[in-house]
PDB file of N, CA and C in Angstrom:
ATOM      1  N   MET A   1      60.758 104.117 -10.819  1.00  0.00           N
ATOM      2  CA  MET A   1      61.757 105.061 -10.394  1.00  0.00           C
ATOM      3  C   MET A   1      61.052 106.300  -9.865  1.00  0.00           C
ATOM      4  N   ASP A   2      61.401 106.697  -8.669  1.00  0.00           N
ATOM      5  CA  ASP A   2      60.769 107.844  -8.037  1.00  0.00           C
ATOM      6  C   ASP A   2      61.791 108.966  -7.938  1.00  0.00           C
ATOM      7  N   PHE A   3      61.511 110.065  -8.624  1.00  0.00           N
ATOM      8  CA  PHE A   3      62.450 111.173  -8.651  1.00  0.00           C
ATOM      9  C   PHE A   3      62.196 112.199  -7.550  1.00  0.00           C
ATOM     10  N   ASN A   4      61.011 112.202  -6.955  1.00  0.00           N
ATOM     11  CA  ASN A   4      60.664 113.165  -5.912  1.00  0.00           C
ATOM     12  C   ASN A   4      61.011 114.601  -6.302  1.00  0.00           C
ATOM     13  N   LEU A   5      60.528 115.020  -7.439  1.00  0.00           N
ATOM     14  CA  LEU A   5      60.798 116.371  -7.926  1.00  0.00           C
ATOM     15  C   LEU A   5      59.880 117.382  -7.249  1.00  0.00           C
ATOM     16  N   THR A   6      60.441 118.526  -6.946  1.00  0.00           N
ATOM     17  CA  THR A   6      59.630 119.611  -6.409  1.00  0.00           C
ATOM     18  C   THR A   6      58.788 120.186  -7.539  1.00  0.00           C
ATOM     19  N   PRO A   7      57.717 120.899  -7.226  1.00  0.00           N
ATOM     20  CA  PRO A   7      56.926 121.534  -8.292  1.00  0.00           C
ATOM     21  C   PRO A   7      57.775 122.463  -9.167  1.00  0.00           C
ATOM     22  N   GLU A   8      58.727 123.146  -8.570  1.00  0.00           N
ATOM     23  CA  GLU A   8      59.598 124.037  -9.338  1.00  0.00           C
ATOM     24  C   GLU A   8      60.455 123.247 -10.323  1.00  0.00           C
ATOM     25  N   GLN A   9      60.965 122.100  -9.880  1.00  0.00           N
ATOM     26  CA  GLN A   9      61.774 121.255 -10.758  1.00  0.00           C
ATOM     27  C   GLN A   9      60.907 120.687 -11.891  1.00  0.00           C
ATOM     28  N   GLN A  10      59.697 120.269 -11.556  1.00  0.00           N
ATOM     29  CA  GLN A  10      58.788 119.748 -12.578  1.00  0.00           C
ATOM     30  C   GLN A  10      58.496 120.823 -13.622  1.00  0.00           C
ATOM     31  N   ASN A  11      58.241 122.045 -13.160  1.00  0.00           N
ATOM     32  CA  ASN A  11      57.969 123.145 -14.080  1.00  0.00           C
ATOM     33  C   ASN A  11      59.163 123.421 -14.981  1.00  0.00           C
ATOM     34  N   ALA A  12      60.350 123.396 -14.415  1.00  0.00           N
ATOM     35  CA  ALA A  12      61.562 123.650 -15.201  1.00  0.00           C
ATOM     36  C   ALA A  12      61.756 122.575 -16.268  1.00  0.00           C
ATOM     37  N   ILE A  13      61.529 121.330 -15.903  1.00  0.00           N
ATOM     38  CA  ILE A  13      61.677 120.226 -16.858  1.00  0.00           C
ATOM     39  C   ILE A  13      60.636 120.343 -17.969  1.00  0.00           C
ATOM     40  N   LEU A  14      59.390 120.597 -17.600  1.00  0.00           N
ATOM     41  CA  LEU A  14      58.341 120.735 -18.610  1.00  0.00           C
ATOM     42  C   LEU A  14      58.619 121.897 -19.554  1.00  0.00           C
ATOM     43  N   SER A  15      59.080 123.000 -19.014  1.00  0.00           N
ATOM     44  CA  SER A  15      59.379 124.162 -19.853  1.00  0.00           C
ATOM     45  C   SER A  15      60.526 123.863 -20.810  1.00  0.00           C
ATOM     46  N   ALA A  16      61.581 123.245 -20.314  1.00  0.00           N
ATOM     47  CA  ALA A  16      62.724 122.914 -21.158  1.00  0.00           C
ATOM     48  C   ALA A  16      62.338 121.899 -22.231  1.00  0.00           C
ATOM     49  N   ALA A  17      61.585 120.883 -21.842  1.00  0.00           N
ATOM     50  CA  ALA A  17      61.160 119.867 -22.809  1.00  0.00           C
ATOM     51  C   ALA A  17      60.243 120.462 -23.858  1.00  0.00           C
ATOM     52  N   SER A  18      59.355 121.338 -23.444  1.00  0.00           N
ATOM     53  CA  SER A  18      58.441 121.984 -24.377  1.00  0.00           C
ATOM     54  C   SER A  18      59.208 122.751 -25.449  1.00  0.00           C
ATOM     55  N   LYS A  19      60.194 123.515 -25.029  1.00  0.00           N
ATOM     56  CA  LYS A  19      61.002 124.284 -25.976  1.00  0.00           C
ATOM     57  C   LYS A  19      61.804 123.368 -26.892  1.00  0.00           C
ATOM     58  N   LYS A  20      62.431 122.368 -26.318  1.00  0.00           N
ATOM     59  CA  LYS A  20      63.292 121.460 -27.079  1.00  0.00           C
ATOM     60  C   LYS A  20      62.502 120.637 -28.088  1.00  0.00           C
ATOM     61  N   LEU A  21      61.322 120.169 -27.687  1.00  0.00           N
ATOM     62  CA  LEU A  21      60.533 119.280 -28.535  1.00  0.00           C
ATOM     63  C   LEU A  21      59.552 120.006 -29.443  1.00  0.00           C
ATOM     64  N   GLY A  22      59.295 121.270 -29.149  1.00  0.00           N
ATOM     65  CA  GLY A  22      58.325 121.999 -29.958  1.00  0.00           C
ATOM     66  C   GLY A  22      56.896 121.566 -29.697  1.00  0.00           C
ATOM     67  N   ILE A  23      56.639 121.130 -28.484  1.00  0.00           N
ATOM     68  CA  ILE A  23      55.299 120.698 -28.067  1.00  0.00           C
ATOM     69  C   ILE A  23      54.871 121.634 -26.945  1.00  0.00           C
ATOM     70  N   SER A  24      53.625 122.056 -26.973  1.00  0.00           N
ATOM     71  CA  SER A  24      53.179 122.982 -25.937  1.00  0.00           C
ATOM     72  C   SER A  24      53.302 122.340 -24.554  1.00  0.00           C
ATOM     73  N   ARG A  25      53.542 123.181 -23.601  1.00  0.00           N
ATOM     74  CA  ARG A  25      53.659 122.734 -22.215  1.00  0.00           C
ATOM     75  C   ARG A  25      52.383 122.020 -21.765  1.00  0.00           C
ATOM     76  N   GLU A  26      51.242 122.559 -22.188  1.00  0.00           N
ATOM     77  CA  GLU A  26      49.965 121.952 -21.815  1.00  0.00           C
ATOM     78  C   GLU A  26      49.855 120.525 -22.339  1.00  0.00           C
ATOM     79  N   LYS A  27      50.292 120.311 -23.587  1.00  0.00           N
ATOM     80  CA  LYS A  27      50.233 118.951 -24.154  1.00  0.00           C
ATOM     81  C   LYS A  27      51.161 118.002 -23.398  1.00  0.00           C
ATOM     82  N   LEU A  28      52.337 118.495 -23.019  1.00  0.00           N
ATOM     83  CA  LEU A  28      53.258 117.657 -22.264  1.00  0.00           C
ATOM     84  C   LEU A  28      52.689 117.304 -20.894  1.00  0.00           C
ATOM     85  N   GLU A  29      52.086 118.291 -20.232  1.00  0.00           N
ATOM     86  CA  GLU A  29      51.479 118.034 -18.922  1.00  0.00           C
ATOM     87  C   GLU A  29      50.363 117.004 -19.043  1.00  0.00           C
ATOM     88  N   GLU A  30      49.541 117.158 -20.048  1.00  0.00           N
ATOM     89  CA  GLU A  30      48.440 116.210 -20.267  1.00  0.00           C
ATOM     90  C   GLU A  30      48.987 114.817 -20.577  1.00  0.00           C
ATOM     91  N   ALA A  31      50.027 114.742 -21.400  1.00  0.00           N
ATOM     92  CA  ALA A  31      50.638 113.454 -21.737  1.00  0.00           C
ATOM     93  C   ALA A  31      51.193 112.777 -20.490  1.00  0.00           C
ATOM     94  N   ALA A  32      51.828 113.541 -19.631  1.00  0.00           N
ATOM     95  CA  ALA A  32      52.380 112.987 -18.393  1.00  0.00           C
ATOM     96  C   ALA A  32      51.275 112.516 -17.458  1.00  0.00           C
ATOM     97  N   ARG A  33      50.214 113.310 -17.368  1.00  0.00           N
ATOM     98  CA  ARG A  33      49.104 112.975 -16.479  1.00  0.00           C
ATOM     99  C   ARG A  33      48.363 111.726 -16.935  1.00  0.00           C
ATOM    100  N   THR A  34      48.197 111.566 -18.246  1.00  0.00           N
ATOM    101  CA  THR A  34      47.403 110.463 -18.783  1.00  0.00           C
ATOM    102  C   THR A  34      48.249 109.314 -19.318  1.00  0.00           C
ATOM    103  N   ASN A  35      49.575 109.462 -19.221  1.00  0.00           N
ATOM    104  CA  ASN A  35      50.494 108.454 -19.752  1.00  0.00           C
ATOM    105  C   ASN A  35      50.235 108.213 -21.241  1.00  0.00           C
ATOM    106  N   ASN A  36      49.983 109.293 -21.976  1.00  0.00           N
ATOM    107  CA  ASN A  36      49.707 109.224 -23.407  1.00  0.00           C
ATOM    108  C   ASN A  36      50.925 109.720 -24.171  1.00  0.00           C
ATOM    109  N   LEU A  37      51.647 108.819 -24.799  1.00  0.00           N
ATOM    110  CA  LEU A  37      52.861 109.195 -25.508  1.00  0.00           C
ATOM    111  C   LEU A  37      52.583 109.621 -26.953  1.00  0.00           C
ATOM    112  N   GLY A  38      51.341 109.683 -27.345  1.00  0.00           N
ATOM    113  CA  GLY A  38      50.979 110.064 -28.707  1.00  0.00           C
ATOM    114  C   GLY A  38      51.460 111.443 -29.112  1.00  0.00           C
ATOM    115  N   VAL A  39      51.676 112.338 -28.155  1.00  0.00           N
ATOM    116  CA  VAL A  39      52.140 113.687 -28.487  1.00  0.00           C
ATOM    117  C   VAL A  39      53.535 113.660 -29.102  1.00  0.00           C
ATOM    118  N   PHE A  40      54.266 112.588 -28.898  1.00  0.00           N
ATOM    119  CA  PHE A  40      55.616 112.498 -29.432  1.00  0.00           C
ATOM    120  C   PHE A  40      55.664 111.906 -30.837  1.00  0.00           C
ATOM    121  N   GLU A  41      54.515 111.498 -31.349  1.00  0.00           N
ATOM    122  CA  GLU A  41      54.470 110.844 -32.651  1.00  0.00           C
ATOM    123  C   GLU A  41      55.054 111.701 -33.758  1.00  0.00           C
ATOM    124  N   LYS A  42      54.720 112.991 -33.796  1.00  0.00           N
ATOM    125  CA  LYS A  42      55.217 113.830 -34.885  1.00  0.00           C
ATOM    126  C   LYS A  42      56.723 114.015 -34.815  1.00  0.00           C
ATOM    127  N   ILE A  43      57.285 113.880 -33.631  1.00  0.00           N
ATOM    128  CA  ILE A  43      58.729 113.993 -33.472  1.00  0.00           C
ATOM    129  C   ILE A  43      59.411 112.675 -33.826  1.00  0.00           C
ATOM    130  N   ALA A  44      58.854 111.589 -33.345  1.00  0.00           N
ATOM    131  CA  ALA A  44      59.485 110.282 -33.523  1.00  0.00           C
ATOM    132  C   ALA A  44      59.293 109.714 -34.919  1.00  0.00           C
ATOM    133  N   ALA A  45      58.155 109.967 -35.531  1.00  0.00           N
ATOM    134  CA  ALA A  45      57.855 109.351 -36.823  1.00  0.00           C
ATOM    135  C   ALA A  45      58.922 109.602 -37.885  1.00  0.00           C
ATOM    136  N   PRO A  46      59.405 110.828 -38.076  1.00  0.00           N
ATOM    137  CA  PRO A  46      60.445 111.023 -39.093  1.00  0.00           C
ATOM    138  C   PRO A  46      61.729 110.258 -38.786  1.00  0.00           C
ATOM    139  N   LYS A  47      62.109 110.177 -37.516  1.00  0.00           N
ATOM    140  CA  LYS A  47      63.326 109.448 -37.146  1.00  0.00           C
ATOM    141  C   LYS A  47      63.140 107.956 -37.382  1.00  0.00           C
ATOM    142  N   VAL A  48      61.986 107.436 -37.009  1.00  0.00           N
ATOM    143  CA  VAL A  48      61.702 106.022 -37.232  1.00  0.00           C
ATOM    144  C   VAL A  48      61.735 105.726 -38.726  1.00  0.00           C
ATOM    145  N   GLN A  49      61.142 106.606 -39.518  1.00  0.00           N
ATOM    146  CA  GLN A  49      61.142 106.420 -40.973  1.00  0.00           C
ATOM    147  C   GLN A  49      62.571 106.447 -41.516  1.00  0.00           C
ATOM    148  N   GLN A  50      63.411 107.315 -40.979  1.00  0.00           N
ATOM    149  CA  GLN A  50      64.811 107.388 -41.410  1.00  0.00           C
ATOM    150  C   GLN A  50      65.494 106.040 -41.198  1.00  0.00           C
ATOM    151  N   TYR A  51      65.272 105.443 -40.028  1.00  0.00           N
ATOM    152  CA  TYR A  51      65.889 104.149 -39.752  1.00  0.00           C
ATOM    153  C   TYR A  51      65.285 103.043 -40.609  1.00  0.00           C
ATOM    154  N   ALA A  52      63.998 103.114 -40.860  1.00  0.00           N
ATOM    155  CA  ALA A  52      63.342 102.099 -41.691  1.00  0.00           C
ATOM    156  C   ALA A  52      63.872 102.132 -43.124  1.00  0.00           C
ATOM    157  N   ASN A  53      64.233 103.314 -43.591  1.00  0.00           N
ATOM    158  CA  ASN A  53      64.727 103.454 -44.957  1.00  0.00           C
ATOM    159  C   ASN A  53      66.226 103.229 -45.083  1.00  0.00           C
ATOM    160  N   ASN A  54      66.929 103.119 -43.965  1.00  0.00           N
ATOM    161  CA  ASN A  54      68.377 102.989 -44.006  1.00  0.00           C
ATOM    162  C   ASN A  54      68.837 101.958 -42.972  1.00  0.00           C
ATOM    163  N   PRO A  55      68.885 100.687 -43.372  1.00  0.00           N
ATOM    164  CA  PRO A  55      69.268  99.635 -42.424  1.00  0.00           C
ATOM    165  C   PRO A  55      70.650  99.852 -41.791  1.00  0.00           C
ATOM    166  N   LYS A  56      71.580 100.434 -42.519  1.00  0.00           N
ATOM    167  CA  LYS A  56      72.913 100.670 -41.955  1.00  0.00           C
ATOM    168  C   LYS A  56      72.844 101.693 -40.812  1.00  0.00           C
ATOM    169  N   GLU A  57      71.993 102.698 -40.966  1.00  0.00           N
ATOM    170  CA  GLU A  57      71.814 103.692 -39.911  1.00  0.00           C
ATOM    171  C   GLU A  57      71.177 103.041 -38.685  1.00  0.00           C
ATOM    172  N   LEU A  58      70.213 102.171 -38.907  1.00  0.00           N
ATOM    173  CA  LEU A  58      69.574 101.452 -37.803  1.00  0.00           C
ATOM    174  C   LEU A  58      70.597 100.572 -37.083  1.00  0.00           C
ATOM    175  N   GLU A  59      71.416  99.888 -37.842  1.00  0.00           N
ATOM    176  CA  GLU A  59      72.454  99.037 -37.255  1.00  0.00           C
ATOM    177  C   GLU A  59      73.422  99.876 -36.413  1.00  0.00           C
ATOM    178  N   ARG A  60      73.810 101.042 -36.936  1.00  0.00           N
ATOM    179  CA  ARG A  60      74.702 101.930 -36.199  1.00  0.00           C
ATOM    180  C   ARG A  60      74.045 102.385 -34.887  1.00  0.00           C
ATOM    181  N   PHE A  61      72.776 102.754 -34.970  1.00  0.00           N
ATOM    182  CA  PHE A  61      72.034 103.193 -33.791  1.00  0.00           C
ATOM    183  C   PHE A  61      71.980 102.081 -32.742  1.00  0.00           C
ATOM    184  N   LEU A  62      71.678 100.880 -33.169  1.00  0.00           N
ATOM    185  CA  LEU A  62      71.523  99.770 -32.236  1.00  0.00           C
ATOM    186  C   LEU A  62      72.851  99.253 -31.705  1.00  0.00           C
ATOM    187  N   SER A  63      73.947  99.589 -32.358  1.00  0.00           N
ATOM    188  CA  SER A  63      75.249  99.132 -31.878  1.00  0.00           C
ATOM    189  C   SER A  63      75.827 100.054 -30.804  1.00  0.00           C
ATOM    190  N   ASP A  64      75.186 101.178 -30.558  1.00  0.00           N
ATOM    191  CA  ASP A  64      75.655 102.119 -29.543  1.00  0.00           C
ATOM    192  C   ASP A  64      75.187 101.635 -28.158  1.00  0.00           C
ATOM    193  N   PRO A  65      76.112 101.356 -27.253  1.00  0.00           N
ATOM    194  CA  PRO A  65      75.729 100.861 -25.922  1.00  0.00           C
ATOM    195  C   PRO A  65      74.781 101.795 -25.166  1.00  0.00           C
ATOM    196  N   LYS A  66      74.930 103.097 -25.357  1.00  0.00           N
ATOM    197  CA  LYS A  66      74.031 104.037 -24.685  1.00  0.00           C
ATOM    198  C   LYS A  66      72.601 103.853 -25.175  1.00  0.00           C
ATOM    199  N   ASN A  67      72.432 103.713 -26.482  1.00  0.00           N
ATOM    200  CA  ASN A  67      71.094 103.517 -27.037  1.00  0.00           C
ATOM    201  C   ASN A  67      70.498 102.203 -26.555  1.00  0.00           C
ATOM    202  N   LEU A  68      71.305 101.152 -26.521  1.00  0.00           N
ATOM    203  CA  LEU A  68      70.808  99.859 -26.036  1.00  0.00           C
ATOM    204  C   LEU A  68      70.380  99.938 -24.581  1.00  0.00           C
ATOM    205  N   ALA A  69      71.129 100.657 -23.766  1.00  0.00           N
ATOM    206  CA  ALA A  69      70.765 100.803 -22.357  1.00  0.00           C
ATOM    207  C   ALA A  69      69.423 101.515 -22.218  1.00  0.00           C
ATOM    208  N   ILE A  70      69.212 102.550 -23.017  1.00  0.00           N
ATOM    209  CA  ILE A  70      67.940 103.278 -22.981  1.00  0.00           C
ATOM    210  C   ILE A  70      66.793 102.383 -23.407  1.00  0.00           C
ATOM    211  N   ILE A  71      67.001 101.636 -24.475  1.00  0.00           N
ATOM    212  CA  ILE A  71      65.955 100.720 -24.975  1.00  0.00           C
ATOM    213  C   ILE A  71      65.621  99.680 -23.904  1.00  0.00           C
ATOM    214  N   LYS A  72      66.629  99.114 -23.269  1.00  0.00           N
ATOM    215  CA  LYS A  72      66.384  98.121 -22.234  1.00  0.00           C
ATOM    216  C   LYS A  72      65.595  98.702 -21.078  1.00  0.00           C
ATOM    217  N   LYS A  73      65.923  99.935 -20.674  1.00  0.00           N
ATOM    218  CA  LYS A  73      65.173 100.578 -19.591  1.00  0.00           C
ATOM    219  C   LYS A  73      63.732 100.806 -20.007  1.00  0.00           C
ATOM    220  N   MET A  74      63.535 101.227 -21.260  1.00  0.00           N
ATOM    221  CA  MET A  74      62.177 101.524 -21.734  1.00  0.00           C
ATOM    222  C   MET A  74      61.306 100.292 -21.754  1.00  0.00           C
ATOM    223  N   ILE A  75      61.900  99.136 -22.068  1.00  0.00           N
ATOM    224  CA  ILE A  75      61.083  97.924 -22.137  1.00  0.00           C
ATOM    225  C   ILE A  75      61.138  97.117 -20.838  1.00  0.00           C
ATOM    226  N   GLY A  76      61.787  97.690 -19.829  1.00  0.00           N
ATOM    227  CA  GLY A  76      61.773  97.081 -18.512  1.00  0.00           C
ATOM    228  C   GLY A  76      62.816  95.994 -18.328  1.00  0.00           C
ATOM    229  N   GLY A  77      63.831  95.980 -19.135  1.00  0.00           N
ATOM    230  CA  GLY A  77      64.842  94.945 -18.999  1.00  0.00           C
ATOM    231  C   GLY A  77      66.129  95.418 -18.376  1.00  0.00           C
ATOM    232  N   GLY A  78      66.144  96.558 -17.746  1.00  0.00           N
ATOM    233  CA  GLY A  78      67.414  97.004 -17.182  1.00  0.00           C
ATOM    234  C   GLY A  78      67.183  98.100 -16.270  1.00  0.00           C
TER     235      GLY A  78
END
């Protein structure tokens, strides 16, 4: 997918994501440049653990069509 973002749009997205995720802008830029998703581990790990400890919550998450669509896109199936 090619978004053709202007440098200004890229900067705005990085700044917003940095604030929302609590990750420095520099780390996000480096992650994007190197395709290294490890910077998101500290954010994702607690949520993953929550689902691992609560099968009903995981089932609820996976039954949401929006979540399934995102998962399919992430793994290249949609």
